[in-house]
């Protein structure tokens, strides 16, 4: 399984976690994801995801002027987005616990 397939399922939660701290515009989101180790992330993945999260009510946006060119669309997390983010964290912790248990129980079979 490719890492991109695994990532697809968790990227939404990662984006919400980043927006928890500050409002972020699209290109900045890509750079922040890369800073956190998501080096394969491209604009064609992030911009549609930001639009989807806004449509779902998890993010809101506002246009602001930019000193370096055209206006930028900044995204902020909504109360619904914070609740969704909390759910993501709980689901992630549960999944990691289950997978870690399987790896600990069955992973040594790979070394035999």
PDB file of N, CA and C in Angstrom:
ATOM      1  N   UNK A   1       0.849  -1.181   0.000  1.00  0.00           N
ATOM      2  CA  UNK A   1       0.000   0.000   0.000  1.00  0.00           C
ATOM      3  C   UNK A   1       0.890   1.238   0.000  1.00  0.00           C
ATOM      4  N   UNK A   2       0.549   2.176  -0.831  1.00  0.00           N
ATOM      5  CA  UNK A   2       1.331   3.403  -0.887  1.00  0.00           C
ATOM      6  C   UNK A   2       0.957   4.324   0.269  1.00  0.00           C
ATOM      7  N   UNK A   3       1.923   5.106   0.713  1.00  0.00           N
ATOM      8  CA  UNK A   3       1.688   6.033   1.815  1.00  0.00           C
ATOM      9  C   UNK A   3       0.606   7.045   1.458  1.00  0.00           C
ATOM     10  N   UNK A   4       0.500   7.409   0.171  1.00  0.00           N
ATOM     11  CA  UNK A   4      -0.510   8.395  -0.224  1.00  0.00           C
ATOM     12  C   UNK A   4      -1.918   7.886   0.053  1.00  0.00           C
ATOM     13  N   UNK A   5      -2.133   6.586  -0.069  1.00  0.00           N
ATOM     14  CA  UNK A   5      -3.455   6.033   0.231  1.00  0.00           C
ATOM     15  C   UNK A   5      -3.756   6.122   1.720  1.00  0.00           C
ATOM     16  N   UNK A   6      -2.778   5.864   2.544  1.00  0.00           N
ATOM     17  CA  UNK A   6      -2.958   5.999   3.986  1.00  0.00           C
ATOM     18  C   UNK A   6      -3.201   7.455   4.370  1.00  0.00           C
ATOM     19  N   UNK A   7      -2.445   8.329   3.775  1.00  0.00           N
ATOM     20  CA  UNK A   7      -2.521   9.751   4.092  1.00  0.00           C
ATOM     21  C   UNK A   7      -3.873  10.354   3.736  1.00  0.00           C
ATOM     22  N   UNK A   8      -4.448   9.893   2.657  1.00  0.00           N
ATOM     23  CA  UNK A   8      -5.718  10.444   2.187  1.00  0.00           C
ATOM     24  C   UNK A   8      -6.768  10.444   3.288  1.00  0.00           C
ATOM     25  N   UNK A   9      -6.791   9.409   4.090  1.00  0.00           N
ATOM     26  CA  UNK A   9      -7.785   9.288   5.140  1.00  0.00           C
ATOM     27  C   UNK A   9      -7.551  10.188   6.344  1.00  0.00           C
ATOM     28  N   UNK A  10      -6.340  10.674   6.539  1.00  0.00           N
ATOM     29  CA  UNK A  10      -6.043  11.461   7.735  1.00  0.00           C
ATOM     30  C   UNK A  10      -5.701  12.920   7.440  1.00  0.00           C
ATOM     31  N   UNK A  11      -5.552  13.260   6.182  1.00  0.00           N
ATOM     32  CA  UNK A  11      -5.136  14.619   5.827  1.00  0.00           C
ATOM     33  C   UNK A  11      -6.134  15.672   6.300  1.00  0.00           C
ATOM     34  N   UNK A  12      -7.410  15.347   6.235  1.00  0.00           N
ATOM     35  CA  UNK A  12      -8.442  16.279   6.683  1.00  0.00           C
ATOM     36  C   UNK A  12      -8.214  16.683   8.137  1.00  0.00           C
ATOM     37  N   UNK A  13      -7.976  15.702   8.988  1.00  0.00           N
ATOM     38  CA  UNK A  13      -7.714  15.993  10.396  1.00  0.00           C
ATOM     39  C   UNK A  13      -6.435  16.775  10.597  1.00  0.00           C
ATOM     40  N   UNK A  14      -5.412  16.468   9.819  1.00  0.00           N
ATOM     41  CA  UNK A  14      -4.134  17.194   9.926  1.00  0.00           C
ATOM     42  C   UNK A  14      -4.304  18.663   9.545  1.00  0.00           C
ATOM     43  N   UNK A  15      -5.081  18.925   8.513  1.00  0.00           N
ATOM     44  CA  UNK A  15      -5.345  20.307   8.090  1.00  0.00           C
ATOM     45  C   UNK A  15      -6.079  21.056   9.204  1.00  0.00           C
ATOM     46  N   UNK A  16      -7.076  20.427   9.793  1.00  0.00           N
ATOM     47  CA  UNK A  16      -7.810  21.084  10.878  1.00  0.00           C
ATOM     48  C   UNK A  16      -6.900  21.354  12.074  1.00  0.00           C
ATOM     49  N   UNK A  17      -6.004  20.431  12.370  1.00  0.00           N
ATOM     50  CA  UNK A  17      -5.066  20.648  13.474  1.00  0.00           C
ATOM     51  C   UNK A  17      -4.177  21.863  13.221  1.00  0.00           C
ATOM     52  N   UNK A  18      -3.748  22.045  11.985  1.00  0.00           N
ATOM     53  CA  UNK A  18      -2.896  23.193  11.658  1.00  0.00           C
ATOM     54  C   UNK A  18      -3.678  24.495  11.786  1.00  0.00           C
ATOM     55  N   UNK A  19      -4.924  24.497  11.364  1.00  0.00           N
ATOM     56  CA  UNK A  19      -5.731  25.723  11.404  1.00  0.00           C
ATOM     57  C   UNK A  19      -6.185  26.061  12.819  1.00  0.00           C
ATOM     58  N   UNK A  20      -6.055  25.121  13.744  1.00  0.00           N
ATOM     59  CA  UNK A  20      -6.402  25.410  15.144  1.00  0.00           C
ATOM     60  C   UNK A  20      -5.598  26.583  15.688  1.00  0.00           C
ATOM     61  N   UNK A  21      -4.349  26.690  15.281  1.00  0.00           N
ATOM     62  CA  UNK A  21      -3.451  27.703  15.839  1.00  0.00           C
ATOM     63  C   UNK A  21      -3.706  29.098  15.276  1.00  0.00           C
ATOM     64  N   UNK A  22      -3.791  29.196  13.962  1.00  0.00           N
ATOM     65  CA  UNK A  22      -3.924  30.502  13.306  1.00  0.00           C
ATOM     66  C   UNK A  22      -4.660  30.341  11.991  1.00  0.00           C
ATOM     67  N   UNK A  23      -5.205  31.451  11.494  1.00  0.00           N
ATOM     68  CA  UNK A  23      -5.765  31.408  10.150  1.00  0.00           C
ATOM     69  C   UNK A  23      -4.626  31.203   9.161  1.00  0.00           C
ATOM     70  N   UNK A  24      -4.929  30.492   8.086  1.00  0.00           N
ATOM     71  CA  UNK A  24      -3.900  30.070   7.140  1.00  0.00           C
ATOM     72  C   UNK A  24      -4.439  30.199   5.725  1.00  0.00           C
ATOM     73  N   UNK A  25      -3.616  30.647   4.789  1.00  0.00           N
ATOM     74  CA  UNK A  25      -4.025  30.641   3.379  1.00  0.00           C
ATOM     75  C   UNK A  25      -3.453  29.398   2.707  1.00  0.00           C
ATOM     76  N   UNK A  26      -3.949  29.070   1.537  1.00  0.00           N
ATOM     77  CA  UNK A  26      -3.671  27.795   0.885  1.00  0.00           C
ATOM     78  C   UNK A  26      -2.207  27.447   0.738  1.00  0.00           C
ATOM     79  N   UNK A  27      -1.427  28.334   0.139  1.00  0.00           N
ATOM     80  CA  UNK A  27      -0.008  28.036  -0.069  1.00  0.00           C
ATOM     81  C   UNK A  27       0.711  27.861   1.266  1.00  0.00           C
ATOM     82  N   UNK A  28       0.332  28.671   2.230  1.00  0.00           N
ATOM     83  CA  UNK A  28       0.924  28.565   3.569  1.00  0.00           C
ATOM     84  C   UNK A  28       0.604  27.194   4.180  1.00  0.00           C
ATOM     85  N   UNK A  29      -0.620  26.690   3.946  1.00  0.00           N
ATOM     86  CA  UNK A  29      -1.004  25.371   4.451  1.00  0.00           C
ATOM     87  C   UNK A  29      -0.098  24.290   3.858  1.00  0.00           C
ATOM     88  N   UNK A  30       0.168  24.385   2.577  1.00  0.00           N
ATOM     89  CA  UNK A  30       1.050  23.417   1.921  1.00  0.00           C
ATOM     90  C   UNK A  30       2.426  23.444   2.574  1.00  0.00           C
ATOM     91  N   UNK A  31       2.952  24.641   2.809  1.00  0.00           N
ATOM     92  CA  UNK A  31       4.275  24.779   3.419  1.00  0.00           C
ATOM     93  C   UNK A  31       4.290  24.248   4.857  1.00  0.00           C
ATOM     94  N   UNK A  32       3.228  24.495   5.598  1.00  0.00           N
ATOM     95  CA  UNK A  32       3.164  24.004   6.975  1.00  0.00           C
ATOM     96  C   UNK A  32       3.064  22.479   7.017  1.00  0.00           C
ATOM     97  N   UNK A  33       2.299  21.908   6.103  1.00  0.00           N
ATOM     98  CA  UNK A  33       2.232  20.442   6.029  1.00  0.00           C
ATOM     99  C   UNK A  33       3.610  19.866   5.719  1.00  0.00           C
ATOM    100  N   UNK A  34       4.317  20.485   4.783  1.00  0.00           N
ATOM    101  CA  UNK A  34       5.665  20.021   4.443  1.00  0.00           C
ATOM    102  C   UNK A  34       6.607  20.162   5.636  1.00  0.00           C
ATOM    103  N   UNK A  35       6.465  21.260   6.374  1.00  0.00           N
ATOM    104  CA  UNK A  35       7.286  21.485   7.568  1.00  0.00           C
ATOM    105  C   UNK A  35       7.087  20.371   8.594  1.00  0.00           C
ATOM    106  N   UNK A  36       5.873  19.808   8.629  1.00  0.00           N
ATOM    107  CA  UNK A  36       5.556  18.729   9.563  1.00  0.00           C
ATOM    108  C   UNK A  36       5.812  17.351   8.963  1.00  0.00           C
ATOM    109  N   UNK A  37       6.511  17.303   7.821  1.00  0.00           N
ATOM    110  CA  UNK A  37       6.935  16.029   7.274  1.00  0.00           C
ATOM    111  C   UNK A  37       6.097  15.475   6.135  1.00  0.00           C
ATOM    112  N   UNK A  38       5.040  16.171   5.742  1.00  0.00           N
ATOM    113  CA  UNK A  38       4.190  15.708   4.642  1.00  0.00           C
ATOM    114  C   UNK A  38       4.751  16.249   3.325  1.00  0.00           C
ATOM    115  N   UNK A  39       5.892  15.734   2.937  1.00  0.00           N
ATOM    116  CA  UNK A  39       6.631  16.286   1.801  1.00  0.00           C
ATOM    117  C   UNK A  39       6.003  16.016   0.443  1.00  0.00           C
ATOM    118  N   UNK A  40       5.134  15.030   0.344  1.00  0.00           N
ATOM    119  CA  UNK A  40       4.527  14.691  -0.941  1.00  0.00           C
ATOM    120  C   UNK A  40       3.272  15.508  -1.244  1.00  0.00           C
ATOM    121  N   UNK A  41       2.855  16.350  -0.323  1.00  0.00           N
ATOM    122  CA  UNK A  41       1.618  17.122  -0.485  1.00  0.00           C
ATOM    123  C   UNK A  41       1.780  18.136  -1.608  1.00  0.00           C
ATOM    124  N   UNK A  42       0.752  18.223  -2.458  1.00  0.00           N
ATOM    125  CA  UNK A  42       0.757  19.176  -3.563  1.00  0.00           C
ATOM    126  C   UNK A  42      -0.503  20.025  -3.513  1.00  0.00           C
ATOM    127  N   UNK A  43      -0.462  21.145  -4.221  1.00  0.00           N
ATOM    128  CA  UNK A  43      -1.581  22.082  -4.237  1.00  0.00           C
ATOM    129  C   UNK A  43      -2.872  21.420  -4.715  1.00  0.00           C
ATOM    130  N   UNK A  44      -2.758  20.510  -5.675  1.00  0.00           N
ATOM    131  CA  UNK A  44      -3.928  19.836  -6.217  1.00  0.00           C
ATOM    132  C   UNK A  44      -4.647  18.968  -5.208  1.00  0.00           C
ATOM    133  N   UNK A  45      -4.009  18.699  -4.094  1.00  0.00           N
ATOM    134  CA  UNK A  45      -4.636  17.959  -2.997  1.00  0.00           C
ATOM    135  C   UNK A  45      -5.181  18.912  -1.944  1.00  0.00           C
ATOM    136  N   UNK A  46      -4.416  19.937  -1.621  1.00  0.00           N
ATOM    137  CA  UNK A  46      -4.760  20.815  -0.494  1.00  0.00           C
ATOM    138  C   UNK A  46      -5.904  21.765  -0.815  1.00  0.00           C
ATOM    139  N   UNK A  47      -5.878  22.430  -1.963  1.00  0.00           N
ATOM    140  CA  UNK A  47      -6.917  23.420  -2.263  1.00  0.00           C
ATOM    141  C   UNK A  47      -8.316  22.803  -2.321  1.00  0.00           C
ATOM    142  N   UNK A  48      -8.512  21.667  -2.995  1.00  0.00           N
ATOM    143  CA  UNK A  48      -9.845  21.055  -2.963  1.00  0.00           C
ATOM    144  C   UNK A  48     -10.269  20.629  -1.555  1.00  0.00           C
ATOM    145  N   UNK A  49      -9.306  20.184  -0.740  1.00  0.00           N
ATOM    146  CA  UNK A  49      -9.620  19.786   0.624  1.00  0.00           C
ATOM    147  C   UNK A  49     -10.067  20.994   1.451  1.00  0.00           C
ATOM    148  N   UNK A  50      -9.394  22.121   1.297  1.00  0.00           N
ATOM    149  CA  UNK A  50      -9.800  23.338   2.003  1.00  0.00           C
ATOM    150  C   UNK A  50     -11.213  23.745   1.595  1.00  0.00           C
ATOM    151  N   UNK A  51     -11.519  23.664   0.311  1.00  0.00           N
ATOM    152  CA  UNK A  51     -12.866  23.997  -0.174  1.00  0.00           C
ATOM    153  C   UNK A  51     -13.905  23.043   0.400  1.00  0.00           C
ATOM    154  N   UNK A  52     -13.566  21.754   0.447  1.00  0.00           N
ATOM    155  CA  UNK A  52     -14.481  20.750   0.990  1.00  0.00           C
ATOM    156  C   UNK A  52     -14.754  21.020   2.466  1.00  0.00           C
ATOM    157  N   UNK A  53     -13.701  21.297   3.233  1.00  0.00           N
ATOM    158  CA  UNK A  53     -13.858  21.566   4.663  1.00  0.00           C
ATOM    159  C   UNK A  53     -14.686  22.830   4.901  1.00  0.00           C
ATOM    160  N   UNK A  54     -14.535  23.810   4.027  1.00  0.00           N
ATOM    161  CA  UNK A  54     -15.347  25.024   4.146  1.00  0.00           C
ATOM    162  C   UNK A  54     -16.809  24.714   3.815  1.00  0.00           C
ATOM    163  N   UNK A  55     -17.035  23.963   2.788  1.00  0.00           N
ATOM    164  CA  UNK A  55     -18.401  23.597   2.392  1.00  0.00           C
ATOM    165  C   UNK A  55     -19.101  22.798   3.496  1.00  0.00           C
ATOM    166  N   UNK A  56     -18.329  21.957   4.196  1.00  0.00           N
ATOM    167  CA  UNK A  56     -18.879  21.150   5.291  1.00  0.00           C
ATOM    168  C   UNK A  56     -19.098  21.968   6.568  1.00  0.00           C
ATOM    169  N   UNK A  57     -18.623  23.207   6.588  1.00  0.00           N
ATOM    170  CA  UNK A  57     -18.802  24.064   7.747  1.00  0.00           C
ATOM    171  C   UNK A  57     -17.711  23.942   8.792  1.00  0.00           C
ATOM    172  N   UNK A  58     -16.624  23.230   8.477  1.00  0.00           N
ATOM    173  CA  UNK A  58     -15.532  23.069   9.423  1.00  0.00           C
ATOM    174  C   UNK A  58     -14.533  24.224   9.366  1.00  0.00           C
ATOM    175  N   UNK A  59     -14.496  24.915   8.247  1.00  0.00           N
ATOM    176  CA  UNK A  59     -13.651  26.095   8.071  1.00  0.00           C
ATOM    177  C   UNK A  59     -14.506  27.230   7.540  1.00  0.00           C
ATOM    178  N   UNK A  60     -14.107  28.451   7.867  1.00  0.00           N
ATOM    179  CA  UNK A  60     -14.672  29.632   7.219  1.00  0.00           C
ATOM    180  C   UNK A  60     -13.498  30.354   6.558  1.00  0.00           C
ATOM    181  N   UNK A  61     -13.811  31.283   5.658  1.00  0.00           N
ATOM    182  CA  UNK A  61     -12.718  31.973   4.973  1.00  0.00           C
ATOM    183  C   UNK A  61     -13.019  33.452   4.837  1.00  0.00           C
ATOM    184  N   UNK A  62     -11.934  34.190   4.650  1.00  0.00           N
ATOM    185  CA  UNK A  62     -12.031  35.627   4.427  1.00  0.00           C
ATOM    186  C   UNK A  62     -10.900  36.030   3.483  1.00  0.00           C
ATOM    187  N   UNK A  63     -11.200  36.925   2.558  1.00  0.00           N
ATOM    188  CA  UNK A  63     -10.186  37.439   1.641  1.00  0.00           C
ATOM    189  C   UNK A  63      -9.471  38.607   2.311  1.00  0.00           C
ATOM    190  N   UNK A  64      -8.158  38.602   2.212  1.00  0.00           N
ATOM    191  CA  UNK A  64      -7.341  39.679   2.764  1.00  0.00           C
ATOM    192  C   UNK A  64      -6.314  40.097   1.723  1.00  0.00           C
ATOM    193  N   UNK A  65      -5.958  41.362   1.763  1.00  0.00           N
ATOM    194  CA  UNK A  65      -4.939  41.833   0.829  1.00  0.00           C
ATOM    195  C   UNK A  65      -3.581  41.272   1.220  1.00  0.00           C
ATOM    196  N   UNK A  66      -2.748  41.137   0.215  1.00  0.00           N
ATOM    197  CA  UNK A  66      -1.412  40.602   0.416  1.00  0.00           C
ATOM    198  C   UNK A  66      -0.392  41.642  -0.016  1.00  0.00           C
ATOM    199  N   UNK A  67       0.671  41.833   0.746  1.00  0.00           N
ATOM    200  CA  UNK A  67       1.701  42.789   0.338  1.00  0.00           C
ATOM    201  C   UNK A  67       2.497  42.306  -0.866  1.00  0.00           C
ATOM    202  N   UNK A  68       2.401  41.004  -1.180  1.00  0.00           N
ATOM    203  CA  UNK A  68       3.218  40.435  -2.254  1.00  0.00           C
ATOM    204  C   UNK A  68       2.441  40.091  -3.519  1.00  0.00           C
ATOM    205  N   UNK A  69       1.235  40.600  -3.686  1.00  0.00           N
ATOM    206  CA  UNK A  69       0.496  40.263  -4.896  1.00  0.00           C
ATOM    207  C   UNK A  69      -0.998  40.284  -4.682  1.00  0.00           C
ATOM    208  N   UNK A  70      -1.694  39.339  -5.323  1.00  0.00           N
ATOM    209  CA  UNK A  70      -3.158  39.340  -5.231  1.00  0.00           C
ATOM    210  C   UNK A  70      -3.651  39.005  -3.822  1.00  0.00           C
ATOM    211  N   UNK A  71      -4.928  39.277  -3.579  1.00  0.00           N
ATOM    212  CA  UNK A  71      -5.538  38.951  -2.293  1.00  0.00           C
ATOM    213  C   UNK A  71      -5.416  37.452  -2.010  1.00  0.00           C
ATOM    214  N   UNK A  72      -5.426  37.126  -0.734  1.00  0.00           N
ATOM    215  CA  UNK A  72      -5.320  35.727  -0.306  1.00  0.00           C
ATOM    216  C   UNK A  72      -6.582  35.343   0.462  1.00  0.00           C
ATOM    217  N   UNK A  73      -6.979  34.095   0.291  1.00  0.00           N
ATOM    218  CA  UNK A  73      -8.127  33.559   1.016  1.00  0.00           C
ATOM    219  C   UNK A  73      -7.600  32.849   2.255  1.00  0.00           C
ATOM    220  N   UNK A  74      -7.901  33.414   3.416  1.00  0.00           N
ATOM    221  CA  UNK A  74      -7.471  32.845   4.688  1.00  0.00           C
ATOM    222  C   UNK A  74      -8.581  31.986   5.277  1.00  0.00           C
ATOM    223  N   UNK A  75      -8.183  30.832   5.812  1.00  0.00           N
ATOM    224  CA  UNK A  75      -9.131  29.898   6.405  1.00  0.00           C
ATOM    225  C   UNK A  75      -8.992  29.897   7.920  1.00  0.00           C
ATOM    226  N   UNK A  76     -10.145  29.863   8.602  1.00  0.00           N
ATOM    227  CA  UNK A  76     -10.199  29.785  10.060  1.00  0.00           C
ATOM    228  C   UNK A  76     -11.076  28.595  10.433  1.00  0.00           C
ATOM    229  N   UNK A  77     -10.792  27.988  11.559  1.00  0.00           N
ATOM    230  CA  UNK A  77     -11.602  26.860  12.017  1.00  0.00           C
ATOM    231  C   UNK A  77     -12.875  27.384  12.683  1.00  0.00           C
ATOM    232  N   UNK A  78     -13.962  26.680  12.482  1.00  0.00           N
ATOM    233  CA  UNK A  78     -15.252  27.024  13.076  1.00  0.00           C
ATOM    234  C   UNK A  78     -15.461  26.164  14.330  1.00  0.00           C
ATOM    235  N   UNK A  79     -16.468  26.490  15.138  1.00  0.00           N
ATOM    236  CA  UNK A  79     -16.769  25.607  16.276  1.00  0.00           C
ATOM    237  C   UNK A  79     -17.062  24.168  15.830  1.00  0.00           C
ATOM    238  N   UNK A  80     -17.736  24.007  14.701  1.00  0.00           N
ATOM    239  CA  UNK A  80     -17.998  22.670  14.166  1.00  0.00           C
ATOM    240  C   UNK A  80     -16.687  21.994  13.767  1.00  0.00           C
ATOM    241  N   UNK A  81     -15.748  22.783  13.242  1.00  0.00           N
ATOM    242  CA  UNK A  81     -14.440  22.256  12.871  1.00  0.00           C
ATOM    243  C   UNK A  81     -13.657  21.794  14.084  1.00  0.00           C
ATOM    244  N   UNK A  82     -13.766  22.542  15.187  1.00  0.00           N
ATOM    245  CA  UNK A  82     -13.083  22.139  16.420  1.00  0.00           C
ATOM    246  C   UNK A  82     -13.655  20.828  16.944  1.00  0.00           C
ATOM    247  N   UNK A  83     -14.976  20.691  16.889  1.00  0.00           N
ATOM    248  CA  UNK A  83     -15.611  19.447  17.336  1.00  0.00           C
ATOM    249  C   UNK A  83     -15.173  18.281  16.447  1.00  0.00           C
ATOM    250  N   UNK A  84     -15.121  18.519  15.137  1.00  0.00           N
ATOM    251  CA  UNK A  84     -14.693  17.486  14.193  1.00  0.00           C
ATOM    252  C   UNK A  84     -13.229  17.114  14.446  1.00  0.00           C
ATOM    253  N   UNK A  85     -12.438  18.095  14.780  1.00  0.00           N
ATOM    254  CA  UNK A  85     -11.019  17.871  15.075  1.00  0.00           C
ATOM    255  C   UNK A  85     -10.869  17.019  16.339  1.00  0.00           C
ATOM    256  N   UNK A  86     -11.666  17.297  17.359  1.00  0.00           N
ATOM    257  CA  UNK A  86     -11.634  16.477  18.576  1.00  0.00           C
ATOM    258  C   UNK A  86     -12.004  15.026  18.254  1.00  0.00           C
ATOM    259  N   UNK A  87     -13.032  14.847  17.413  1.00  0.00           N
ATOM    260  CA  UNK A  87     -13.437  13.500  17.000  1.00  0.00           C
ATOM    261  C   UNK A  87     -12.303  12.806  16.252  1.00  0.00           C
ATOM    262  N   UNK A  88     -11.638  13.539  15.362  1.00  0.00           N
ATOM    263  CA  UNK A  88     -10.518  12.982  14.609  1.00  0.00           C
ATOM    264  C   UNK A  88      -9.427  12.496  15.557  1.00  0.00           C
ATOM    265  N   UNK A  89      -9.095  13.308  16.551  1.00  0.00           N
ATOM    266  CA  UNK A  89      -8.038  12.953  17.502  1.00  0.00           C
ATOM    267  C   UNK A  89      -8.399  11.666  18.244  1.00  0.00           C
ATOM    268  N   UNK A  90      -9.631  11.558  18.713  1.00  0.00           N
ATOM    269  CA  UNK A  90     -10.052  10.361  19.433  1.00  0.00           C
ATOM    270  C   UNK A  90     -10.029   9.133  18.527  1.00  0.00           C
ATOM    271  N   UNK A  91     -10.518   9.267  17.304  1.00  0.00           N
ATOM    272  CA  UNK A  91     -10.509   8.151  16.360  1.00  0.00           C
ATOM    273  C   UNK A  91      -9.076   7.753  16.008  1.00  0.00           C
ATOM    274  N   UNK A  92      -8.204   8.753  15.838  1.00  0.00           N
ATOM    275  CA  UNK A  92      -6.810   8.472  15.503  1.00  0.00           C
ATOM    276  C   UNK A  92      -6.124   7.709  16.641  1.00  0.00           C
ATOM    277  N   UNK A  93      -6.322   8.172  17.872  1.00  0.00           N
ATOM    278  CA  UNK A  93      -5.711   7.497  19.016  1.00  0.00           C
ATOM    279  C   UNK A  93      -6.174   6.049  19.110  1.00  0.00           C
ATOM    280  N   UNK A  94      -7.460   5.820  18.874  1.00  0.00           N
ATOM    281  CA  UNK A  94      -8.006   4.469  18.926  1.00  0.00           C
ATOM    282  C   UNK A  94      -7.398   3.593  17.834  1.00  0.00           C
ATOM    283  N   UNK A  95      -7.290   4.136  16.626  1.00  0.00           N
ATOM    284  CA  UNK A  95      -6.716   3.386  15.505  1.00  0.00           C
ATOM    285  C   UNK A  95      -5.241   3.061  15.754  1.00  0.00           C
ATOM    286  N   UNK A  96      -4.484   4.044  16.223  1.00  0.00           N
ATOM    287  CA  UNK A  96      -3.062   3.833  16.505  1.00  0.00           C
ATOM    288  C   UNK A  96      -2.891   2.751  17.570  1.00  0.00           C
ATOM    289  N   UNK A  97      -3.723   2.787  18.590  1.00  0.00           N
ATOM    290  CA  UNK A  97      -3.655   1.784  19.648  1.00  0.00           C
ATOM    291  C   UNK A  97      -3.861   0.381  19.075  1.00  0.00           C
ATOM    292  N   UNK A  98      -4.890   0.232  18.238  1.00  0.00           N
ATOM    293  CA  UNK A  98      -5.201  -1.080  17.655  1.00  0.00           C
ATOM    294  C   UNK A  98      -4.088  -1.563  16.722  1.00  0.00           C
ATOM    295  N   UNK A  99      -3.596  -0.681  15.874  1.00  0.00           N
ATOM    296  CA  UNK A  99      -2.537  -1.066  14.931  1.00  0.00           C
ATOM    297  C   UNK A  99      -1.254  -1.383  15.685  1.00  0.00           C
ATOM    298  N   UNK A 100      -0.904  -0.566  16.668  1.00  0.00           N
ATOM    299  CA  UNK A 100       0.295  -0.839  17.469  1.00  0.00           C
ATOM    300  C   UNK A 100       0.202  -2.197  18.160  1.00  0.00           C
ATOM    301  N   UNK A 101      -0.976  -2.532  18.679  1.00  0.00           N
ATOM    302  CA  UNK A 101      -1.149  -3.844  19.317  1.00  0.00           C
ATOM    303  C   UNK A 101      -0.916  -4.968  18.324  1.00  0.00           C
ATOM    304  N   UNK A 102      -1.443  -4.831  17.122  1.00  0.00           N
ATOM    305  CA  UNK A 102      -1.236  -5.861  16.109  1.00  0.00           C
ATOM    306  C   UNK A 102       0.229  -5.979  15.724  1.00  0.00           C
ATOM    307  N   UNK A 103       0.879  -4.855  15.574  1.00  0.00           N
ATOM    308  CA  UNK A 103       2.303  -4.870  15.214  1.00  0.00           C
ATOM    309  C   UNK A 103       3.115  -5.554  16.313  1.00  0.00           C
ATOM    310  N   UNK A 104       2.821  -5.223  17.555  1.00  0.00           N
ATOM    311  CA  UNK A 104       3.557  -5.842  18.661  1.00  0.00           C
ATOM    312  C   UNK A 104       3.291  -7.342  18.725  1.00  0.00           C
ATOM    313  N   UNK A 105       2.062  -7.763  18.474  1.00  0.00           N
ATOM    314  CA  UNK A 105       1.716  -9.180  18.553  1.00  0.00           C
ATOM    315  C   UNK A 105       2.179  -9.980  17.352  1.00  0.00           C
ATOM    316  N   UNK A 106       2.083  -9.384  16.181  1.00  0.00           N
ATOM    317  CA  UNK A 106       2.325 -10.145  14.944  1.00  0.00           C
ATOM    318  C   UNK A 106       3.589  -9.726  14.208  1.00  0.00           C
ATOM    319  N   UNK A 107       4.108  -8.545  14.498  1.00  0.00           N
ATOM    320  CA  UNK A 107       5.249  -8.015  13.757  1.00  0.00           C
ATOM    321  C   UNK A 107       6.492  -8.855  13.828  1.00  0.00           C
ATOM    322  N   UNK A 108       6.707  -9.536  14.964  1.00  0.00           N
ATOM    323  CA  UNK A 108       7.921 -10.353  15.081  1.00  0.00           C
ATOM    324  C   UNK A 108       7.908 -11.530  14.116  1.00  0.00           C
ATOM    325  N   UNK A 109       6.758 -11.911  13.611  1.00  0.00           N
ATOM    326  CA  UNK A 109       6.666 -13.003  12.627  1.00  0.00           C
ATOM    327  C   UNK A 109       7.415 -12.640  11.338  1.00  0.00           C
ATOM    328  N   UNK A 110       7.540 -11.353  11.044  1.00  0.00           N
ATOM    329  CA  UNK A 110       8.259 -10.903   9.865  1.00  0.00           C
ATOM    330  C   UNK A 110       9.750 -11.209   9.975  1.00  0.00           C
ATOM    331  N   UNK A 111      10.238 -11.267  11.175  1.00  0.00           N
ATOM    332  CA  UNK A 111      11.678 -11.490  11.410  1.00  0.00           C
ATOM    333  C   UNK A 111      12.048 -12.962  11.450  1.00  0.00           C
ATOM    334  N   UNK A 112      11.073 -13.840  11.435  1.00  0.00           N
ATOM    335  CA  UNK A 112      11.370 -15.285  11.522  1.00  0.00           C
ATOM    336  C   UNK A 112      11.837 -15.836  10.198  1.00  0.00           C
TER     337      UNK A 112
END
